[in-house]
């Protein structure tokens, strides 16, 4: 499908993420594949289209591992990656990864800053409210400074997050998402 979309002239391909789906109540989502593995596959069979997530729960992962995975994917797709994180709203996803739901907004704010730090100066330690990371050696993304980050946002806190920490925004409506560079 990715090859056909590229041939048809699409300029970008996006995948959503649900880390875990609650089983004890009605939910509009089904379990989903890992977006980063799926996008690596898409990158391998395409040459031109931008690839990205709309949206992903990056802050449910350890930041050093996520920074390395995203840098690797950005290299594999030769700089065609856009990272589309969101704070998340499915409390069970947080419980399933032992991450406190109540701190998701602040955690994501710092996570975005940590990613940029790890992509540009990982040899300097990071000391923050949620993350304490020693100096490390990491690969750098193909995109100088790291791939663009378009923050998923629907409410005031998300819009502030996108303006403060993002390069753009995913604004969800009932029918579509749009991404606008800042």
N, C-alpha and C. Protein backbone atom coordinates (compact mmCIF):
# COMPACT_ATOMS: atom_id res chain seq x y z
N UNK A 1 0.81 -1.18 0.00
CA UNK A 1 0.00 0.00 0.00
C UNK A 1 0.87 1.26 0.00
N UNK A 2 1.98 1.24 0.74
CA UNK A 2 2.87 2.41 0.79
C UNK A 2 3.46 2.69 -0.58
N UNK A 3 3.87 1.64 -1.28
CA UNK A 3 4.42 1.82 -2.63
C UNK A 3 3.38 2.43 -3.57
N UNK A 4 2.15 1.93 -3.50
CA UNK A 4 1.09 2.44 -4.36
C UNK A 4 0.75 3.90 -4.02
N UNK A 5 0.75 4.22 -2.74
CA UNK A 5 0.47 5.61 -2.33
C UNK A 5 1.54 6.55 -2.85
N UNK A 6 2.79 6.12 -2.78
CA UNK A 6 3.87 6.97 -3.30
C UNK A 6 3.75 7.15 -4.81
N UNK A 7 3.44 6.06 -5.52
CA UNK A 7 3.25 6.15 -6.97
C UNK A 7 2.09 7.06 -7.33
N UNK A 8 1.06 7.08 -6.50
CA UNK A 8 -0.12 7.91 -6.76
C UNK A 8 0.11 9.38 -6.44
N UNK A 9 1.28 9.70 -5.87
CA UNK A 9 1.60 11.10 -5.61
C UNK A 9 1.39 11.58 -4.19
N UNK A 10 1.06 10.67 -3.27
CA UNK A 10 0.93 11.10 -1.88
C UNK A 10 2.26 11.67 -1.41
N UNK A 11 2.21 12.69 -0.55
CA UNK A 11 3.46 13.28 -0.07
C UNK A 11 3.85 12.77 1.31
N UNK A 12 2.92 12.10 2.01
CA UNK A 12 3.26 11.59 3.34
C UNK A 12 2.38 10.40 3.69
N UNK A 13 2.90 9.56 4.57
CA UNK A 13 2.20 8.38 5.08
C UNK A 13 2.34 8.38 6.59
N UNK A 14 1.22 8.15 7.29
CA UNK A 14 1.18 8.26 8.74
C UNK A 14 0.60 7.00 9.36
N UNK A 15 1.04 6.70 10.56
CA UNK A 15 0.50 5.57 11.31
C UNK A 15 0.20 6.03 12.73
N UNK A 16 -0.88 5.50 13.28
CA UNK A 16 -1.25 5.80 14.66
C UNK A 16 -0.67 4.75 15.60
N UNK A 17 -0.83 5.01 16.89
CA UNK A 17 -0.33 4.06 17.87
C UNK A 17 -1.31 3.93 19.02
N UNK A 18 -1.53 2.72 19.42
CA UNK A 18 -2.15 2.37 20.70
C UNK A 18 -1.22 1.34 21.30
N UNK A 19 -0.61 1.65 22.41
CA UNK A 19 0.33 0.73 23.04
C UNK A 19 -0.41 -0.48 23.59
N UNK A 20 -1.50 -0.24 24.29
CA UNK A 20 -2.30 -1.31 24.87
C UNK A 20 -3.76 -0.88 24.84
N UNK A 21 -4.64 -1.81 24.60
CA UNK A 21 -6.07 -1.52 24.52
C UNK A 21 -6.77 -2.16 25.71
N UNK A 22 -7.55 -1.37 26.46
CA UNK A 22 -8.26 -1.95 27.61
C UNK A 22 -9.27 -3.01 27.16
N UNK A 23 -9.36 -4.08 27.93
CA UNK A 23 -10.29 -5.16 27.59
C UNK A 23 -11.57 -5.11 28.41
N UNK A 24 -11.56 -4.31 29.48
CA UNK A 24 -12.70 -4.34 30.41
C UNK A 24 -13.77 -3.29 30.12
N UNK A 25 -13.66 -2.54 29.04
CA UNK A 25 -14.69 -1.56 28.69
C UNK A 25 -14.66 -1.31 27.19
N UNK A 26 -15.76 -0.81 26.64
CA UNK A 26 -15.79 -0.53 25.20
C UNK A 26 -14.71 0.47 24.82
N UNK A 27 -14.07 0.23 23.71
CA UNK A 27 -12.97 1.09 23.27
C UNK A 27 -12.98 1.14 21.76
N UNK A 28 -12.75 2.31 21.16
CA UNK A 28 -12.84 2.42 19.70
C UNK A 28 -11.64 1.84 18.94
N UNK A 29 -10.62 1.38 19.63
CA UNK A 29 -9.40 0.92 18.96
C UNK A 29 -9.19 -0.57 19.12
N UNK A 30 -8.50 -1.15 18.17
CA UNK A 30 -8.05 -2.52 18.25
C UNK A 30 -6.55 -2.49 18.52
N UNK A 31 -5.96 -3.59 19.01
CA UNK A 31 -4.50 -3.61 19.16
C UNK A 31 -3.82 -3.27 17.83
N UNK A 32 -2.71 -2.55 17.91
CA UNK A 32 -2.02 -2.06 16.71
C UNK A 32 -0.57 -2.54 16.69
N UNK A 33 0.00 -2.57 15.49
CA UNK A 33 1.41 -2.89 15.34
C UNK A 33 2.26 -1.74 15.88
N UNK A 34 3.50 -2.02 16.18
CA UNK A 34 4.43 -1.00 16.62
C UNK A 34 4.66 -0.02 15.47
N UNK A 35 4.46 1.28 15.69
CA UNK A 35 4.57 2.22 14.58
C UNK A 35 5.99 2.36 14.04
N UNK A 36 6.98 2.23 14.90
CA UNK A 36 8.37 2.45 14.47
C UNK A 36 8.84 1.30 13.59
N UNK A 37 8.44 0.08 13.92
CA UNK A 37 8.78 -1.06 13.07
C UNK A 37 8.04 -0.97 11.74
N UNK A 38 6.76 -0.59 11.79
CA UNK A 38 5.98 -0.46 10.56
C UNK A 38 6.56 0.64 9.66
N UNK A 39 6.96 1.77 10.27
CA UNK A 39 7.52 2.86 9.46
C UNK A 39 8.89 2.48 8.88
N UNK A 40 9.66 1.65 9.58
CA UNK A 40 10.93 1.18 9.02
C UNK A 40 10.65 0.35 7.76
N UNK A 41 9.62 -0.46 7.81
CA UNK A 41 9.23 -1.25 6.64
C UNK A 41 8.80 -0.32 5.50
N UNK A 42 7.98 0.68 5.81
CA UNK A 42 7.54 1.65 4.80
C UNK A 42 8.74 2.38 4.20
N UNK A 43 9.69 2.77 5.04
CA UNK A 43 10.89 3.47 4.56
C UNK A 43 11.67 2.61 3.58
N UNK A 44 11.67 1.31 3.82
CA UNK A 44 12.44 0.41 2.95
C UNK A 44 11.83 0.26 1.56
N UNK A 45 10.53 0.49 1.43
CA UNK A 45 9.87 0.28 0.13
C UNK A 45 9.47 1.58 -0.54
N UNK A 46 9.84 2.72 0.05
CA UNK A 46 9.52 4.03 -0.55
C UNK A 46 10.80 4.85 -0.68
N UNK A 47 10.74 5.89 -1.48
CA UNK A 47 11.91 6.73 -1.69
C UNK A 47 11.68 8.21 -1.40
N UNK A 48 10.44 8.65 -1.53
CA UNK A 48 10.16 10.07 -1.51
C UNK A 48 9.24 10.53 -0.39
N UNK A 49 8.23 9.74 -0.04
CA UNK A 49 7.22 10.20 0.91
C UNK A 49 7.78 10.42 2.30
N UNK A 50 7.25 11.43 2.95
CA UNK A 50 7.54 11.66 4.36
C UNK A 50 6.76 10.61 5.15
N UNK A 51 7.35 10.13 6.25
CA UNK A 51 6.67 9.15 7.09
C UNK A 51 6.57 9.71 8.50
N UNK A 52 5.50 9.34 9.19
CA UNK A 52 5.35 9.86 10.54
C UNK A 52 4.29 9.17 11.34
N UNK A 53 4.20 9.57 12.61
CA UNK A 53 3.18 9.04 13.50
C UNK A 53 2.15 10.13 13.80
N UNK A 54 0.91 9.70 13.88
CA UNK A 54 -0.19 10.61 14.18
C UNK A 54 -1.22 9.86 15.01
N UNK A 55 -1.07 9.84 16.26
CA UNK A 55 0.02 10.24 17.14
C UNK A 55 0.58 9.02 17.84
N UNK A 56 1.70 9.21 18.51
CA UNK A 56 2.33 8.11 19.24
C UNK A 56 2.57 8.52 20.68
N UNK A 57 2.63 7.53 21.54
CA UNK A 57 2.87 7.78 22.95
C UNK A 57 4.34 7.52 23.28
N UNK A 58 5.21 8.39 22.78
CA UNK A 58 6.65 8.20 22.96
C UNK A 58 7.06 8.22 24.42
N UNK A 59 6.36 8.99 25.25
CA UNK A 59 6.77 9.13 26.65
C UNK A 59 6.43 7.91 27.51
N UNK A 60 5.89 6.86 26.90
CA UNK A 60 5.70 5.60 27.62
C UNK A 60 6.94 4.73 27.54
N UNK A 61 7.99 5.25 26.91
CA UNK A 61 9.23 4.49 26.70
C UNK A 61 10.39 5.19 27.40
N UNK A 62 11.49 4.48 27.62
CA UNK A 62 12.68 5.14 28.14
C UNK A 62 13.24 6.10 27.08
N UNK A 63 13.61 7.33 27.45
CA UNK A 63 14.01 8.32 26.46
C UNK A 63 15.28 7.97 25.67
N UNK A 64 16.26 7.34 26.28
CA UNK A 64 17.48 7.00 25.54
C UNK A 64 17.16 5.99 24.45
N UNK A 65 16.36 4.99 24.77
CA UNK A 65 15.98 4.00 23.76
C UNK A 65 15.16 4.63 22.65
N UNK A 66 14.22 5.51 23.01
CA UNK A 66 13.38 6.17 22.00
C UNK A 66 14.22 7.08 21.12
N UNK A 67 15.17 7.82 21.72
CA UNK A 67 16.05 8.69 20.92
C UNK A 67 16.85 7.88 19.91
N UNK A 68 17.37 6.73 20.35
CA UNK A 68 18.14 5.88 19.45
C UNK A 68 17.26 5.29 18.36
N UNK A 69 16.06 4.81 18.71
CA UNK A 69 15.16 4.24 17.71
C UNK A 69 14.77 5.28 16.66
N UNK A 70 14.45 6.48 17.11
CA UNK A 70 14.06 7.53 16.17
C UNK A 70 15.24 7.99 15.31
N UNK A 71 16.42 8.08 15.89
CA UNK A 71 17.61 8.44 15.11
C UNK A 71 17.89 7.36 14.05
N UNK A 72 17.73 6.11 14.44
CA UNK A 72 17.94 5.00 13.50
C UNK A 72 16.93 5.09 12.36
N UNK A 73 15.66 5.27 12.70
CA UNK A 73 14.63 5.35 11.67
C UNK A 73 14.85 6.56 10.77
N UNK A 74 15.25 7.69 11.35
CA UNK A 74 15.51 8.89 10.54
C UNK A 74 16.66 8.62 9.56
N UNK A 75 17.66 7.86 9.98
CA UNK A 75 18.75 7.49 9.07
C UNK A 75 18.26 6.54 7.98
N UNK A 76 17.46 5.54 8.38
CA UNK A 76 16.98 4.56 7.41
C UNK A 76 16.11 5.20 6.33
N UNK A 77 15.34 6.21 6.69
CA UNK A 77 14.48 6.85 5.70
C UNK A 77 15.13 8.11 5.11
N UNK A 78 16.39 8.32 5.42
CA UNK A 78 17.18 9.44 4.89
C UNK A 78 16.53 10.80 5.17
N UNK A 79 16.10 10.98 6.44
CA UNK A 79 15.59 12.26 6.86
C UNK A 79 14.14 12.54 6.51
N UNK A 80 13.35 11.51 6.23
CA UNK A 80 11.95 11.72 5.85
C UNK A 80 10.98 11.55 7.02
N UNK A 81 11.49 11.45 8.25
CA UNK A 81 10.66 11.15 9.41
C UNK A 81 10.11 12.41 10.08
N UNK A 82 8.85 12.35 10.48
CA UNK A 82 8.24 13.34 11.38
C UNK A 82 7.71 12.56 12.58
N UNK A 83 8.10 13.00 13.76
CA UNK A 83 7.64 12.38 15.00
C UNK A 83 6.39 13.13 15.46
N UNK A 84 5.32 12.40 15.69
CA UNK A 84 4.06 13.00 16.10
C UNK A 84 3.62 12.49 17.47
N UNK A 85 4.18 13.03 18.55
CA UNK A 85 3.80 12.54 19.88
C UNK A 85 2.54 13.19 20.41
N UNK A 86 1.89 12.49 21.31
CA UNK A 86 0.77 13.04 22.05
C UNK A 86 0.88 12.62 23.50
N UNK A 87 0.21 13.34 24.38
CA UNK A 87 0.27 13.04 25.81
C UNK A 87 -0.48 11.76 26.15
N UNK A 88 -1.47 11.41 25.35
CA UNK A 88 -2.24 10.20 25.60
C UNK A 88 -3.47 10.48 26.44
N UNK A 89 -4.46 9.61 26.29
CA UNK A 89 -5.71 9.77 27.04
C UNK A 89 -6.28 8.45 27.52
N UNK A 90 -5.64 7.34 27.14
CA UNK A 90 -6.12 6.03 27.57
C UNK A 90 -5.33 5.64 28.82
N UNK A 91 -5.97 5.78 29.97
CA UNK A 91 -5.30 5.56 31.25
C UNK A 91 -4.69 4.16 31.36
N UNK A 92 -5.35 3.18 30.76
CA UNK A 92 -4.86 1.80 30.83
C UNK A 92 -3.52 1.62 30.13
N UNK A 93 -3.24 2.42 29.09
CA UNK A 93 -1.93 2.34 28.45
C UNK A 93 -0.83 2.70 29.44
N UNK A 94 -1.08 3.70 30.23
CA UNK A 94 -0.10 4.13 31.22
C UNK A 94 0.06 3.06 32.30
N UNK A 95 -1.04 2.52 32.79
CA UNK A 95 -0.98 1.47 33.79
C UNK A 95 -0.21 0.26 33.27
N UNK A 96 -0.40 -0.07 32.00
CA UNK A 96 0.27 -1.26 31.43
C UNK A 96 1.77 -1.08 31.30
N UNK A 97 2.25 0.17 31.32
CA UNK A 97 3.69 0.43 31.21
C UNK A 97 4.27 1.00 32.49
N UNK A 98 3.47 1.01 33.57
CA UNK A 98 3.89 1.50 34.89
C UNK A 98 4.31 2.97 34.88
N UNK A 99 3.68 3.76 34.01
CA UNK A 99 3.94 5.20 33.95
C UNK A 99 2.71 5.90 34.55
N UNK A 100 2.91 6.83 35.48
CA UNK A 100 1.75 7.51 36.09
C UNK A 100 0.98 8.36 35.07
N UNK A 101 -0.31 8.12 34.99
CA UNK A 101 -1.18 8.84 34.07
C UNK A 101 -1.23 10.33 34.42
N UNK A 102 -1.23 10.65 35.70
CA UNK A 102 -1.39 12.04 36.15
C UNK A 102 -0.25 12.95 35.70
N UNK A 103 0.92 12.39 35.41
CA UNK A 103 2.07 13.22 35.04
C UNK A 103 2.35 13.23 33.55
N UNK A 104 1.43 12.72 32.75
CA UNK A 104 1.69 12.53 31.32
C UNK A 104 2.04 13.81 30.58
N UNK A 105 1.39 14.91 30.87
CA UNK A 105 1.67 16.16 30.17
C UNK A 105 3.07 16.68 30.46
N UNK A 106 3.41 16.80 31.73
CA UNK A 106 4.74 17.27 32.10
C UNK A 106 5.83 16.32 31.64
N UNK A 107 5.54 15.03 31.71
CA UNK A 107 6.50 14.03 31.25
C UNK A 107 6.77 14.17 29.76
N UNK A 108 5.71 14.37 28.96
CA UNK A 108 5.89 14.53 27.52
C UNK A 108 6.65 15.83 27.22
N UNK A 109 6.32 16.90 27.92
CA UNK A 109 7.05 18.16 27.71
C UNK A 109 8.55 17.95 27.88
N UNK A 110 8.92 17.32 28.98
CA UNK A 110 10.35 17.09 29.22
C UNK A 110 10.91 16.06 28.24
N UNK A 111 10.12 15.06 27.89
CA UNK A 111 10.57 14.01 26.97
C UNK A 111 10.99 14.62 25.63
N UNK A 112 10.20 15.55 25.12
CA UNK A 112 10.53 16.20 23.85
C UNK A 112 11.86 16.94 23.98
N UNK A 113 12.04 17.65 25.08
CA UNK A 113 13.30 18.37 25.31
C UNK A 113 14.47 17.39 25.44
N UNK A 114 14.24 16.26 26.11
CA UNK A 114 15.29 15.24 26.26
C UNK A 114 15.68 14.68 24.89
N UNK A 115 14.69 14.39 24.04
CA UNK A 115 15.01 13.88 22.70
C UNK A 115 15.93 14.83 21.96
N UNK A 116 15.59 16.09 21.94
CA UNK A 116 16.42 17.08 21.24
C UNK A 116 17.83 17.14 21.84
N UNK A 117 17.90 17.05 23.16
CA UNK A 117 19.20 17.03 23.84
C UNK A 117 20.01 15.80 23.41
N UNK A 118 19.37 14.64 23.43
CA UNK A 118 20.08 13.40 23.07
C UNK A 118 20.48 13.36 21.60
N UNK A 119 19.72 14.03 20.74
CA UNK A 119 20.06 14.07 19.32
C UNK A 119 21.18 15.06 19.01
N UNK A 120 21.43 15.99 19.89
CA UNK A 120 22.43 17.03 19.59
C UNK A 120 23.64 17.01 20.51
N UNK A 121 23.45 16.68 21.79
CA UNK A 121 24.59 16.69 22.73
C UNK A 121 24.45 15.62 23.80
N UNK A 122 24.40 14.34 23.39
CA UNK A 122 24.23 13.26 24.36
C UNK A 122 25.41 13.10 25.31
N UNK A 123 26.55 13.68 24.94
CA UNK A 123 27.73 13.57 25.80
C UNK A 123 27.63 14.47 27.03
N UNK A 124 26.56 15.24 27.13
CA UNK A 124 26.30 16.05 28.32
C UNK A 124 25.12 15.43 29.07
N UNK A 125 25.21 15.32 30.39
CA UNK A 125 24.11 14.71 31.14
C UNK A 125 22.84 15.56 31.11
N UNK A 126 21.72 14.93 31.36
CA UNK A 126 20.43 15.61 31.47
C UNK A 126 19.91 15.41 32.89
N UNK A 127 19.55 16.50 33.52
CA UNK A 127 18.95 16.45 34.85
C UNK A 127 17.62 17.19 34.79
N UNK A 128 16.53 16.46 34.96
CA UNK A 128 15.21 17.09 34.89
C UNK A 128 14.31 16.56 35.98
N UNK A 129 13.06 16.94 35.91
CA UNK A 129 12.07 16.50 36.90
C UNK A 129 11.75 15.02 36.76
N UNK A 130 11.63 14.55 35.52
CA UNK A 130 11.24 13.16 35.27
C UNK A 130 12.40 12.26 34.84
N UNK A 131 13.44 12.85 34.29
CA UNK A 131 14.52 12.05 33.72
C UNK A 131 15.88 12.54 34.22
N UNK A 132 16.71 11.59 34.56
CA UNK A 132 18.09 11.84 34.98
C UNK A 132 18.95 10.91 34.14
N UNK A 133 19.63 11.48 33.15
CA UNK A 133 20.35 10.67 32.16
C UNK A 133 21.82 11.06 32.18
N UNK A 134 22.71 10.09 32.37
CA UNK A 134 24.13 10.41 32.34
C UNK A 134 24.59 10.71 30.91
N UNK A 135 25.78 11.23 30.79
CA UNK A 135 26.38 11.43 29.47
C UNK A 135 26.48 10.06 28.79
N UNK A 136 26.08 10.03 27.51
CA UNK A 136 26.10 8.77 26.76
C UNK A 136 26.58 9.03 25.34
N UNK A 137 26.95 7.97 24.66
CA UNK A 137 27.25 8.04 23.24
C UNK A 137 26.08 7.47 22.47
N UNK A 138 25.52 8.24 21.55
CA UNK A 138 24.38 7.79 20.75
C UNK A 138 24.60 8.19 19.30
N UNK A 139 23.99 7.44 18.40
CA UNK A 139 24.01 7.85 17.00
C UNK A 139 23.16 9.10 16.84
N UNK A 140 23.47 9.88 15.84
CA UNK A 140 22.71 11.09 15.56
C UNK A 140 21.79 10.81 14.37
N UNK A 141 20.64 11.47 14.35
CA UNK A 141 19.73 11.31 13.22
C UNK A 141 20.31 11.89 11.93
N UNK A 142 19.74 11.52 10.80
CA UNK A 142 20.15 12.10 9.52
C UNK A 142 19.79 13.57 9.46
N UNK A 143 18.66 13.93 10.06
CA UNK A 143 18.20 15.32 10.09
C UNK A 143 18.97 16.07 11.16
N UNK A 144 19.70 17.13 10.81
CA UNK A 144 20.43 17.88 11.83
C UNK A 144 19.49 18.37 12.94
N UNK A 145 19.85 18.09 14.17
CA UNK A 145 19.01 18.46 15.31
C UNK A 145 17.89 17.49 15.59
N UNK A 146 17.70 16.52 14.72
CA UNK A 146 16.66 15.52 14.89
C UNK A 146 15.46 15.77 14.01
N UNK A 147 14.65 14.74 13.81
CA UNK A 147 13.47 14.89 12.97
C UNK A 147 12.50 15.91 13.57
N UNK A 148 11.69 16.55 12.73
CA UNK A 148 10.69 17.48 13.26
C UNK A 148 9.71 16.76 14.17
N UNK A 149 9.21 17.50 15.15
CA UNK A 149 8.24 16.97 16.10
C UNK A 149 6.96 17.78 15.97
N UNK A 150 5.89 17.13 15.48
CA UNK A 150 4.58 17.75 15.36
C UNK A 150 3.72 17.17 16.48
N UNK A 151 3.43 17.98 17.46
CA UNK A 151 2.76 17.53 18.67
C UNK A 151 1.26 17.37 18.43
N UNK A 152 0.72 16.24 18.85
CA UNK A 152 -0.71 16.01 18.80
C UNK A 152 -1.39 16.82 19.88
N UNK A 153 -2.40 17.59 19.51
CA UNK A 153 -3.05 18.47 20.49
C UNK A 153 -4.50 18.72 20.12
N UNK A 154 -5.36 18.69 21.13
CA UNK A 154 -6.75 19.06 20.94
C UNK A 154 -7.19 20.12 21.95
N UNK A 155 -6.61 20.12 23.12
CA UNK A 155 -7.01 21.07 24.16
C UNK A 155 -5.95 22.12 24.42
N UNK A 156 -6.23 23.03 25.34
CA UNK A 156 -5.30 24.13 25.63
C UNK A 156 -3.90 23.68 26.05
N UNK A 157 -3.79 22.65 26.90
CA UNK A 157 -2.46 22.19 27.33
C UNK A 157 -1.66 21.66 26.15
N UNK A 158 -2.30 20.88 25.29
CA UNK A 158 -1.62 20.35 24.12
C UNK A 158 -1.20 21.43 23.14
N UNK A 159 -2.05 22.44 22.97
CA UNK A 159 -1.69 23.55 22.09
C UNK A 159 -0.50 24.33 22.64
N UNK A 160 -0.47 24.53 23.96
CA UNK A 160 0.71 25.19 24.57
C UNK A 160 1.96 24.34 24.38
N UNK A 161 1.82 23.02 24.55
CA UNK A 161 2.95 22.10 24.37
C UNK A 161 3.48 22.19 22.94
N UNK A 162 2.57 22.18 21.98
CA UNK A 162 2.98 22.25 20.58
C UNK A 162 3.70 23.55 20.29
N UNK A 163 3.19 24.66 20.81
CA UNK A 163 3.81 25.97 20.57
C UNK A 163 5.17 26.08 21.25
N UNK A 164 5.29 25.53 22.45
CA UNK A 164 6.51 25.67 23.23
C UNK A 164 7.60 24.68 22.82
N UNK A 165 7.22 23.44 22.53
CA UNK A 165 8.23 22.39 22.34
C UNK A 165 8.24 21.77 20.94
N UNK A 166 7.22 22.00 20.15
CA UNK A 166 7.12 21.32 18.86
C UNK A 166 7.58 22.17 17.69
N UNK A 167 7.69 21.49 16.56
CA UNK A 167 7.97 22.16 15.28
C UNK A 167 6.70 22.34 14.47
N UNK A 168 5.63 21.75 14.95
CA UNK A 168 4.34 21.81 14.29
C UNK A 168 3.32 21.15 15.17
N UNK A 169 2.13 20.98 14.64
CA UNK A 169 1.02 20.45 15.43
C UNK A 169 0.19 19.49 14.60
N UNK A 170 -0.31 18.46 15.26
CA UNK A 170 -1.36 17.60 14.71
C UNK A 170 -2.61 18.03 15.43
N UNK A 171 -3.52 18.58 14.70
CA UNK A 171 -4.78 19.04 15.30
C UNK A 171 -5.85 18.06 14.89
N UNK A 172 -6.33 17.27 15.82
CA UNK A 172 -7.31 16.23 15.53
C UNK A 172 -8.71 16.82 15.49
N UNK A 173 -9.45 16.44 14.49
CA UNK A 173 -10.88 16.75 14.45
C UNK A 173 -11.61 15.43 14.33
N UNK A 174 -12.91 15.48 14.25
CA UNK A 174 -13.66 14.22 14.16
C UNK A 174 -13.46 13.53 12.82
N UNK A 175 -12.93 14.24 11.82
CA UNK A 175 -12.80 13.62 10.50
C UNK A 175 -11.38 13.50 10.00
N UNK A 176 -10.43 14.26 10.53
CA UNK A 176 -9.08 14.19 10.01
C UNK A 176 -8.08 14.85 10.95
N UNK A 177 -6.82 14.61 10.70
CA UNK A 177 -5.75 15.29 11.41
C UNK A 177 -4.98 16.13 10.40
N UNK A 178 -4.49 17.26 10.82
CA UNK A 178 -3.65 18.07 9.95
C UNK A 178 -2.37 18.38 10.68
N UNK A 179 -1.32 18.54 9.96
CA UNK A 179 -0.03 18.91 10.53
C UNK A 179 0.41 20.21 9.88
N UNK A 180 0.73 21.18 10.69
CA UNK A 180 1.11 22.49 10.18
C UNK A 180 2.46 22.87 10.75
N UNK A 181 3.44 23.17 9.90
CA UNK A 181 4.73 23.61 10.44
C UNK A 181 4.55 24.92 11.21
N UNK A 182 5.33 25.06 12.28
CA UNK A 182 5.24 26.28 13.06
C UNK A 182 6.00 27.41 12.40
